[in-house]
Amino acid sequence: MNLRNQRFTAVGYGTVREDKRKGPNSFFFDGERRFVTQSFHALTKSWLKLNMNPSTGSGGTCYGDSGGPHFL
């Protein structure tokens, strides 16, 4: 399988930042399940690294979703 052409879907219930300029007080939690697609970045012996850059069409996960599932 060629990982470079694959899209991954991150799923979670983490908090959301309303505005990047407002600092830590701009996070809120509404209990909604969200998802975002990400592209392949690198593969090491320990980690699958995914691109989380919105300008390239890949999004990041919500604050608090560390360790959440990623689906191929």
PDB file of N, CA and C in Angstrom:
ATOM      1  N   MET A   1       0.844  -1.186   0.000  1.00  0.00           N
ATOM      2  CA  MET A   1       0.000   0.000   0.000  1.00  0.00           C
ATOM      3  C   MET A   1       0.885   1.243   0.000  1.00  0.00           C
ATOM      4  N   ASN A   2       0.588   2.175  -0.873  1.00  0.00           N
ATOM      5  CA  ASN A   2       1.317   3.439  -0.944  1.00  0.00           C
ATOM      6  C   ASN A   2       0.638   4.446  -0.020  1.00  0.00           C
ATOM      7  N   LEU A   3       1.277   4.768   1.100  1.00  0.00           N
ATOM      8  CA  LEU A   3       0.683   5.689   2.072  1.00  0.00           C
ATOM      9  C   LEU A   3       0.649   7.128   1.585  1.00  0.00           C
ATOM     10  N   ARG A   4       1.538   7.485   0.691  1.00  0.00           N
ATOM     11  CA  ARG A   4       1.613   8.882   0.230  1.00  0.00           C
ATOM     12  C   ARG A   4       0.328   9.365  -0.424  1.00  0.00           C
ATOM     13  N   ASN A   5      -0.436   8.472  -1.019  1.00  0.00           N
ATOM     14  CA  ASN A   5      -1.663   8.873  -1.706  1.00  0.00           C
ATOM     15  C   ASN A   5      -2.915   8.641  -0.872  1.00  0.00           C
ATOM     16  N   GLN A   6      -2.758   8.236   0.369  1.00  0.00           N
ATOM     17  CA  GLN A   6      -3.901   7.917   1.214  1.00  0.00           C
ATOM     18  C   GLN A   6      -4.363   9.132   2.014  1.00  0.00           C
ATOM     19  N   ARG A   7      -5.656   9.156   2.326  1.00  0.00           N
ATOM     20  CA  ARG A   7      -6.228  10.161   3.229  1.00  0.00           C
ATOM     21  C   ARG A   7      -6.639   9.436   4.502  1.00  0.00           C
ATOM     22  N   PHE A   8      -6.385  10.044   5.635  1.00  0.00           N
ATOM     23  CA  PHE A   8      -6.719   9.485   6.935  1.00  0.00           C
ATOM     24  C   PHE A   8      -7.780  10.369   7.574  1.00  0.00           C
ATOM     25  N   THR A   9      -8.645   9.787   8.353  1.00  0.00           N
ATOM     26  CA  THR A   9      -9.698  10.541   9.024  1.00  0.00           C
ATOM     27  C   THR A   9      -9.495  10.456  10.523  1.00  0.00           C
ATOM     28  N   ALA A  10      -9.303  11.598  11.171  1.00  0.00           N
ATOM     29  CA  ALA A  10      -9.183  11.682  12.627  1.00  0.00           C
ATOM     30  C   ALA A  10     -10.557  12.011  13.188  1.00  0.00           C
ATOM     31  N   VAL A  11     -10.949  11.292  14.248  1.00  0.00           N
ATOM     32  CA  VAL A  11     -12.270  11.451  14.835  1.00  0.00           C
ATOM     33  C   VAL A  11     -12.130  11.727  16.319  1.00  0.00           C
ATOM     34  N   GLY A  12     -12.923  12.670  16.849  1.00  0.00           N
ATOM     35  CA  GLY A  12     -12.838  12.941  18.277  1.00  0.00           C
ATOM     36  C   GLY A  12     -13.899  13.901  18.780  1.00  0.00           C
ATOM     37  N   TYR A  13     -13.887  14.084  20.102  1.00  0.00           N
ATOM     38  CA  TYR A  13     -14.838  14.954  20.804  1.00  0.00           C
ATOM     39  C   TYR A  13     -14.127  16.107  21.512  1.00  0.00           C
ATOM     40  N   GLY A  14     -12.926  16.442  21.117  1.00  0.00           N
ATOM     41  CA  GLY A  14     -12.146  17.463  21.813  1.00  0.00           C
ATOM     42  C   GLY A  14     -12.748  18.855  21.740  1.00  0.00           C
ATOM     43  N   THR A  15     -12.080  19.777  22.397  1.00  0.00           N
ATOM     44  CA  THR A  15     -12.544  21.158  22.396  1.00  0.00           C
ATOM     45  C   THR A  15     -12.180  21.841  21.077  1.00  0.00           C
ATOM     46  N   VAL A  16     -12.824  22.938  20.812  1.00  0.00           N
ATOM     47  CA  VAL A  16     -12.621  23.687  19.573  1.00  0.00           C
ATOM     48  C   VAL A  16     -12.167  25.094  19.928  1.00  0.00           C
ATOM     49  N   ARG A  17     -11.258  25.622  19.131  1.00  0.00           N
ATOM     50  CA  ARG A  17     -10.806  27.005  19.336  1.00  0.00           C
ATOM     51  C   ARG A  17     -11.596  27.910  18.410  1.00  0.00           C
ATOM     52  N   GLU A  18     -12.278  28.903  18.976  1.00  0.00           N
ATOM     53  CA  GLU A  18     -13.082  29.827  18.174  1.00  0.00           C
ATOM     54  C   GLU A  18     -12.221  30.716  17.290  1.00  0.00           C
ATOM     55  N   ASP A  19     -11.137  31.224  17.852  1.00  0.00           N
ATOM     56  CA  ASP A  19     -10.316  32.199  17.153  1.00  0.00           C
ATOM     57  C   ASP A  19      -8.875  32.007  17.608  1.00  0.00           C
ATOM     58  N   LYS A  20      -7.960  31.790  16.682  1.00  0.00           N
ATOM     59  CA  LYS A  20      -6.567  31.527  17.027  1.00  0.00           C
ATOM     60  C   LYS A  20      -5.898  32.700  17.739  1.00  0.00           C
ATOM     61  N   ARG A  21      -6.444  33.893  17.635  1.00  0.00           N
ATOM     62  CA  ARG A  21      -5.792  35.076  18.207  1.00  0.00           C
ATOM     63  C   ARG A  21      -6.183  35.342  19.653  1.00  0.00           C
ATOM     64  N   LYS A  22      -7.168  34.625  20.197  1.00  0.00           N
ATOM     65  CA  LYS A  22      -7.667  34.957  21.528  1.00  0.00           C
ATOM     66  C   LYS A  22      -6.995  34.207  22.672  1.00  0.00           C
ATOM     67  N   GLY A  23      -6.096  33.276  22.397  1.00  0.00           N
ATOM     68  CA  GLY A  23      -5.404  32.564  23.449  1.00  0.00           C
ATOM     69  C   GLY A  23      -6.213  31.429  24.040  1.00  0.00           C
ATOM     70  N   PRO A  24      -5.793  30.934  25.216  1.00  0.00           N
ATOM     71  CA  PRO A  24      -6.401  29.724  25.782  1.00  0.00           C
ATOM     72  C   PRO A  24      -7.870  29.876  26.168  1.00  0.00           C
ATOM     73  N   ASN A  25      -8.361  31.075  26.375  1.00  0.00           N
ATOM     74  CA  ASN A  25      -9.762  31.257  26.769  1.00  0.00           C
ATOM     75  C   ASN A  25     -10.735  31.128  25.607  1.00  0.00           C
ATOM     76  N   SER A  26     -10.234  30.936  24.392  1.00  0.00           N
ATOM     77  CA  SER A  26     -11.118  30.854  23.242  1.00  0.00           C
ATOM     78  C   SER A  26     -11.548  29.414  22.930  1.00  0.00           C
ATOM     79  N   PHE A  27     -11.227  28.442  23.801  1.00  0.00           N
ATOM     80  CA  PHE A  27     -11.634  27.050  23.598  1.00  0.00           C
ATOM     81  C   PHE A  27     -13.030  26.822  24.157  1.00  0.00           C
ATOM     82  N   PHE A  28     -13.807  25.990  23.473  1.00  0.00           N
ATOM     83  CA  PHE A  28     -15.111  25.604  24.009  1.00  0.00           C
ATOM     84  C   PHE A  28     -15.372  24.131  23.705  1.00  0.00           C
ATOM     85  N   PHE A  29     -16.226  23.503  24.483  1.00  0.00           N
ATOM     86  CA  PHE A  29     -16.609  22.112  24.286  1.00  0.00           C
ATOM     87  C   PHE A  29     -18.115  22.032  24.195  1.00  0.00           C
ATOM     88  N   ASP A  30     -18.619  21.419  23.124  1.00  0.00           N
ATOM     89  CA  ASP A  30     -20.066  21.297  22.963  1.00  0.00           C
ATOM     90  C   ASP A  30     -20.535  19.849  22.829  1.00  0.00           C
ATOM     91  N   GLY A  31     -19.630  18.884  23.008  1.00  0.00           N
ATOM     92  CA  GLY A  31     -20.002  17.479  22.962  1.00  0.00           C
ATOM     93  C   GLY A  31     -20.221  16.913  21.574  1.00  0.00           C
ATOM     94  N   GLU A  32     -19.956  17.692  20.534  1.00  0.00           N
ATOM     95  CA  GLU A  32     -20.151  17.232  19.160  1.00  0.00           C
ATOM     96  C   GLU A  32     -18.970  16.376  18.708  1.00  0.00           C
ATOM     97  N   ARG A  33     -19.249  15.304  17.996  1.00  0.00           N
ATOM     98  CA  ARG A  33     -18.179  14.492  17.397  1.00  0.00           C
ATOM     99  C   ARG A  33     -17.776  15.156  16.091  1.00  0.00           C
ATOM    100  N   ARG A  34     -16.496  15.358  15.916  1.00  0.00           N
ATOM    101  CA  ARG A  34     -15.985  16.009  14.714  1.00  0.00           C
ATOM    102  C   ARG A  34     -14.960  15.111  14.037  1.00  0.00           C
ATOM    103  N   PHE A  35     -14.706  15.393  12.777  1.00  0.00           N
ATOM    104  CA  PHE A  35     -13.678  14.646  12.062  1.00  0.00           C
ATOM    105  C   PHE A  35     -12.976  15.570  11.086  1.00  0.00           C
ATOM    106  N   VAL A  36     -11.795  15.160  10.696  1.00  0.00           N
ATOM    107  CA  VAL A  36     -10.996  15.929   9.751  1.00  0.00           C
ATOM    108  C   VAL A  36     -10.152  14.943   8.954  1.00  0.00           C
ATOM    109  N   THR A  37      -9.887  15.242   7.690  1.00  0.00           N
ATOM    110  CA  THR A  37      -9.021  14.379   6.902  1.00  0.00           C
ATOM    111  C   THR A  37      -7.604  14.937   6.920  1.00  0.00           C
ATOM    112  N   GLN A  38      -6.658  14.004   6.868  1.00  0.00           N
ATOM    113  CA  GLN A  38      -5.241  14.354   6.910  1.00  0.00           C
ATOM    114  C   GLN A  38      -4.502  13.514   5.882  1.00  0.00           C
ATOM    115  N   SER A  39      -3.377  14.018   5.419  1.00  0.00           N
ATOM    116  CA  SER A  39      -2.566  13.280   4.460  1.00  0.00           C
ATOM    117  C   SER A  39      -1.309  12.743   5.144  1.00  0.00           C
ATOM    118  N   PHE A  40      -0.688  11.783   4.497  1.00  0.00           N
ATOM    119  CA  PHE A  40       0.536  11.142   4.992  1.00  0.00           C
ATOM    120  C   PHE A  40       1.687  12.138   5.026  1.00  0.00           C
ATOM    121  N   HIS A  41       2.501  12.054   6.075  1.00  0.00           N
ATOM    122  CA  HIS A  41       3.712  12.879   6.172  1.00  0.00           C
ATOM    123  C   HIS A  41       4.958  12.002   6.220  1.00  0.00           C
ATOM    124  N   ALA A  42       5.003  11.030   7.147  1.00  0.00           N
ATOM    125  CA  ALA A  42       6.176  10.170   7.284  1.00  0.00           C
ATOM    126  C   ALA A  42       5.810   8.916   8.078  1.00  0.00           C
ATOM    127  N   LEU A  43       6.638   7.886   7.918  1.00  0.00           N
ATOM    128  CA  LEU A  43       6.458   6.653   8.669  1.00  0.00           C
ATOM    129  C   LEU A  43       7.797   6.268   9.277  1.00  0.00           C
ATOM    130  N   THR A  44       7.821   6.082  10.587  1.00  0.00           N
ATOM    131  CA  THR A  44       9.016   5.623  11.284  1.00  0.00           C
ATOM    132  C   THR A  44       8.701   4.262  11.907  1.00  0.00           C
ATOM    133  N   LYS A  45       9.660   3.666  12.600  1.00  0.00           N
ATOM    134  CA  LYS A  45       9.407   2.386  13.271  1.00  0.00           C
ATOM    135  C   LYS A  45       8.343   2.532  14.349  1.00  0.00           C
ATOM    136  N   SER A  46       8.226   3.708  14.934  1.00  0.00           N
ATOM    137  CA  SER A  46       7.310   3.918  16.059  1.00  0.00           C
ATOM    138  C   SER A  46       6.045   4.692  15.722  1.00  0.00           C
ATOM    139  N   TRP A  47       6.092   5.545  14.701  1.00  0.00           N
ATOM    140  CA  TRP A  47       4.993   6.482  14.485  1.00  0.00           C
ATOM    141  C   TRP A  47       4.602   6.602  13.027  1.00  0.00           C
ATOM    142  N   LEU A  48       3.303   6.773  12.821  1.00  0.00           N
ATOM    143  CA  LEU A  48       2.773   7.222  11.539  1.00  0.00           C
ATOM    144  C   LEU A  48       2.530   8.713  11.713  1.00  0.00           C
ATOM    145  N   LYS A  49       3.240   9.538  10.972  1.00  0.00           N
ATOM    146  CA  LYS A  49       3.106  10.985  11.097  1.00  0.00           C
ATOM    147  C   LYS A  49       2.207  11.501   9.976  1.00  0.00           C
ATOM    148  N   LEU A  50       1.207  12.295  10.364  1.00  0.00           N
ATOM    149  CA  LEU A  50       0.256  12.822   9.405  1.00  0.00           C
ATOM    150  C   LEU A  50       0.386  14.330   9.293  1.00  0.00           C
ATOM    151  N   ASN A  51       0.104  14.855   8.118  1.00  0.00           N
ATOM    152  CA  ASN A  51       0.155  16.287   7.847  1.00  0.00           C
ATOM    153  C   ASN A  51      -1.088  16.938   8.452  1.00  0.00           C
ATOM    154  N   MET A  52      -0.908  18.020   9.197  1.00  0.00           N
ATOM    155  CA  MET A  52      -2.029  18.748   9.798  1.00  0.00           C
ATOM    156  C   MET A  52      -1.946  20.222   9.429  1.00  0.00           C
ATOM    157  N   ASN A  53      -1.834  20.486   8.144  1.00  0.00           N
ATOM    158  CA  ASN A  53      -1.680  21.843   7.643  1.00  0.00           C
ATOM    159  C   ASN A  53      -2.902  22.212   6.808  1.00  0.00           C
ATOM    160  N   PRO A  54      -3.802  23.061   7.324  1.00  0.00           N
ATOM    161  CA  PRO A  54      -5.016  23.417   6.574  1.00  0.00           C
ATOM    162  C   PRO A  54      -4.752  24.003   5.182  1.00  0.00           C
ATOM    163  N   SER A  55      -3.614  24.654   4.989  1.00  0.00           N
ATOM    164  CA  SER A  55      -3.333  25.251   3.678  1.00  0.00           C
ATOM    165  C   SER A  55      -3.062  24.199   2.605  1.00  0.00           C
ATOM    166  N   THR A  56      -2.783  22.950   3.009  1.00  0.00           N
ATOM    167  CA  THR A  56      -2.567  21.872   2.049  1.00  0.00           C
ATOM    168  C   THR A  56      -3.766  20.923   1.995  1.00  0.00           C
ATOM    169  N   GLY A  57      -4.873  21.295   2.623  1.00  0.00           N
ATOM    170  CA  GLY A  57      -6.066  20.463   2.613  1.00  0.00           C
ATOM    171  C   GLY A  57      -6.141  19.465   3.742  1.00  0.00           C
ATOM    172  N   SER A  58      -5.191  19.515   4.669  1.00  0.00           N
ATOM    173  CA  SER A  58      -5.189  18.615   5.817  1.00  0.00           C
ATOM    174  C   SER A  58      -5.506  19.411   7.069  1.00  0.00           C
ATOM    175  N   GLY A  59      -6.382  18.883   7.895  1.00  0.00           N
ATOM    176  CA  GLY A  59      -6.752  19.587   9.118  1.00  0.00           C
ATOM    177  C   GLY A  59      -6.102  18.971  10.332  1.00  0.00           C
ATOM    178  N   GLY A  60      -6.159  19.696  11.435  1.00  0.00           N
ATOM    179  CA  GLY A  60      -5.647  19.195  12.698  1.00  0.00           C
ATOM    180  C   GLY A  60      -6.772  18.662  13.563  1.00  0.00           C
ATOM    181  N   THR A  61      -6.403  17.948  14.594  1.00  0.00           N
ATOM    182  CA  THR A  61      -7.409  17.421  15.506  1.00  0.00           C
ATOM    183  C   THR A  61      -7.782  18.478  16.531  1.00  0.00           C
ATOM    184  N   CYS A  62      -8.857  18.229  17.252  1.00  0.00           N
ATOM    185  CA  CYS A  62      -9.319  19.156  18.280  1.00  0.00           C
ATOM    186  C   CYS A  62      -8.445  19.067  19.521  1.00  0.00           C
ATOM    187  N   TYR A  63      -8.326  20.141  20.245  1.00  0.00           N
ATOM    188  CA  TYR A  63      -7.583  20.167  21.495  1.00  0.00           C
ATOM    189  C   TYR A  63      -8.211  19.143  22.439  1.00  0.00           C
ATOM    190  N   GLY A  64      -7.410  18.233  22.977  1.00  0.00           N
ATOM    191  CA  GLY A  64      -7.919  17.208  23.871  1.00  0.00           C
ATOM    192  C   GLY A  64      -8.164  15.879  23.182  1.00  0.00           C
ATOM    193  N   ASP A  65      -7.920  15.787  21.887  1.00  0.00           N
ATOM    194  CA  ASP A  65      -8.117  14.532  21.159  1.00  0.00           C
ATOM    195  C   ASP A  65      -6.836  13.713  21.040  1.00  0.00           C
ATOM    196  N   SER A  66      -5.823  14.016  21.802  1.00  0.00           N
ATOM    197  CA  SER A  66      -4.569  13.261  21.724  1.00  0.00           C
ATOM    198  C   SER A  66      -4.855  11.780  21.942  1.00  0.00           C
ATOM    199  N   GLY A  67      -4.323  10.966  21.077  1.00  0.00           N
ATOM    200  CA  GLY A  67      -4.526   9.533  21.187  1.00  0.00           C
ATOM    201  C   GLY A  67      -5.825   9.039  20.600  1.00  0.00           C
ATOM    202  N   GLY A  68      -6.588   9.931  20.006  1.00  0.00           N
ATOM    203  CA  GLY A  68      -7.853   9.531  19.392  1.00  0.00           C
ATOM    204  C   GLY A  68      -7.619   8.692  18.147  1.00  0.00           C
ATOM    205  N   PRO A  69      -8.653   8.049  17.633  1.00  0.00           N
ATOM    206  CA  PRO A  69      -8.472   7.164  16.484  1.00  0.00           C
ATOM    207  C   PRO A  69      -8.255   7.919  15.171  1.00  0.00           C
ATOM    208  N   HIS A  70      -7.496   7.287  14.294  1.00  0.00           N
ATOM    209  CA  HIS A  70      -7.325   7.746  12.922  1.00  0.00           C
ATOM    210  C   HIS A  70      -7.691   6.577  12.028  1.00  0.00           C
ATOM    211  N   PHE A  71      -8.539   6.814  11.044  1.00  0.00           N
ATOM    212  CA  PHE A  71      -8.999   5.746  10.172  1.00  0.00           C
ATOM    213  C   PHE A  71      -8.493   5.945   8.757  1.00  0.00           C
ATOM    214  N   LEU A  72      -8.069   4.868   8.136  1.00  0.00           N
ATOM    215  CA  LEU A  72      -7.609   4.872   6.753  1.00  0.00           C
ATOM    216  C   LEU A  72      -8.783   4.554   5.856  1.00  0.00           C
TER     217      LEU A  72
END
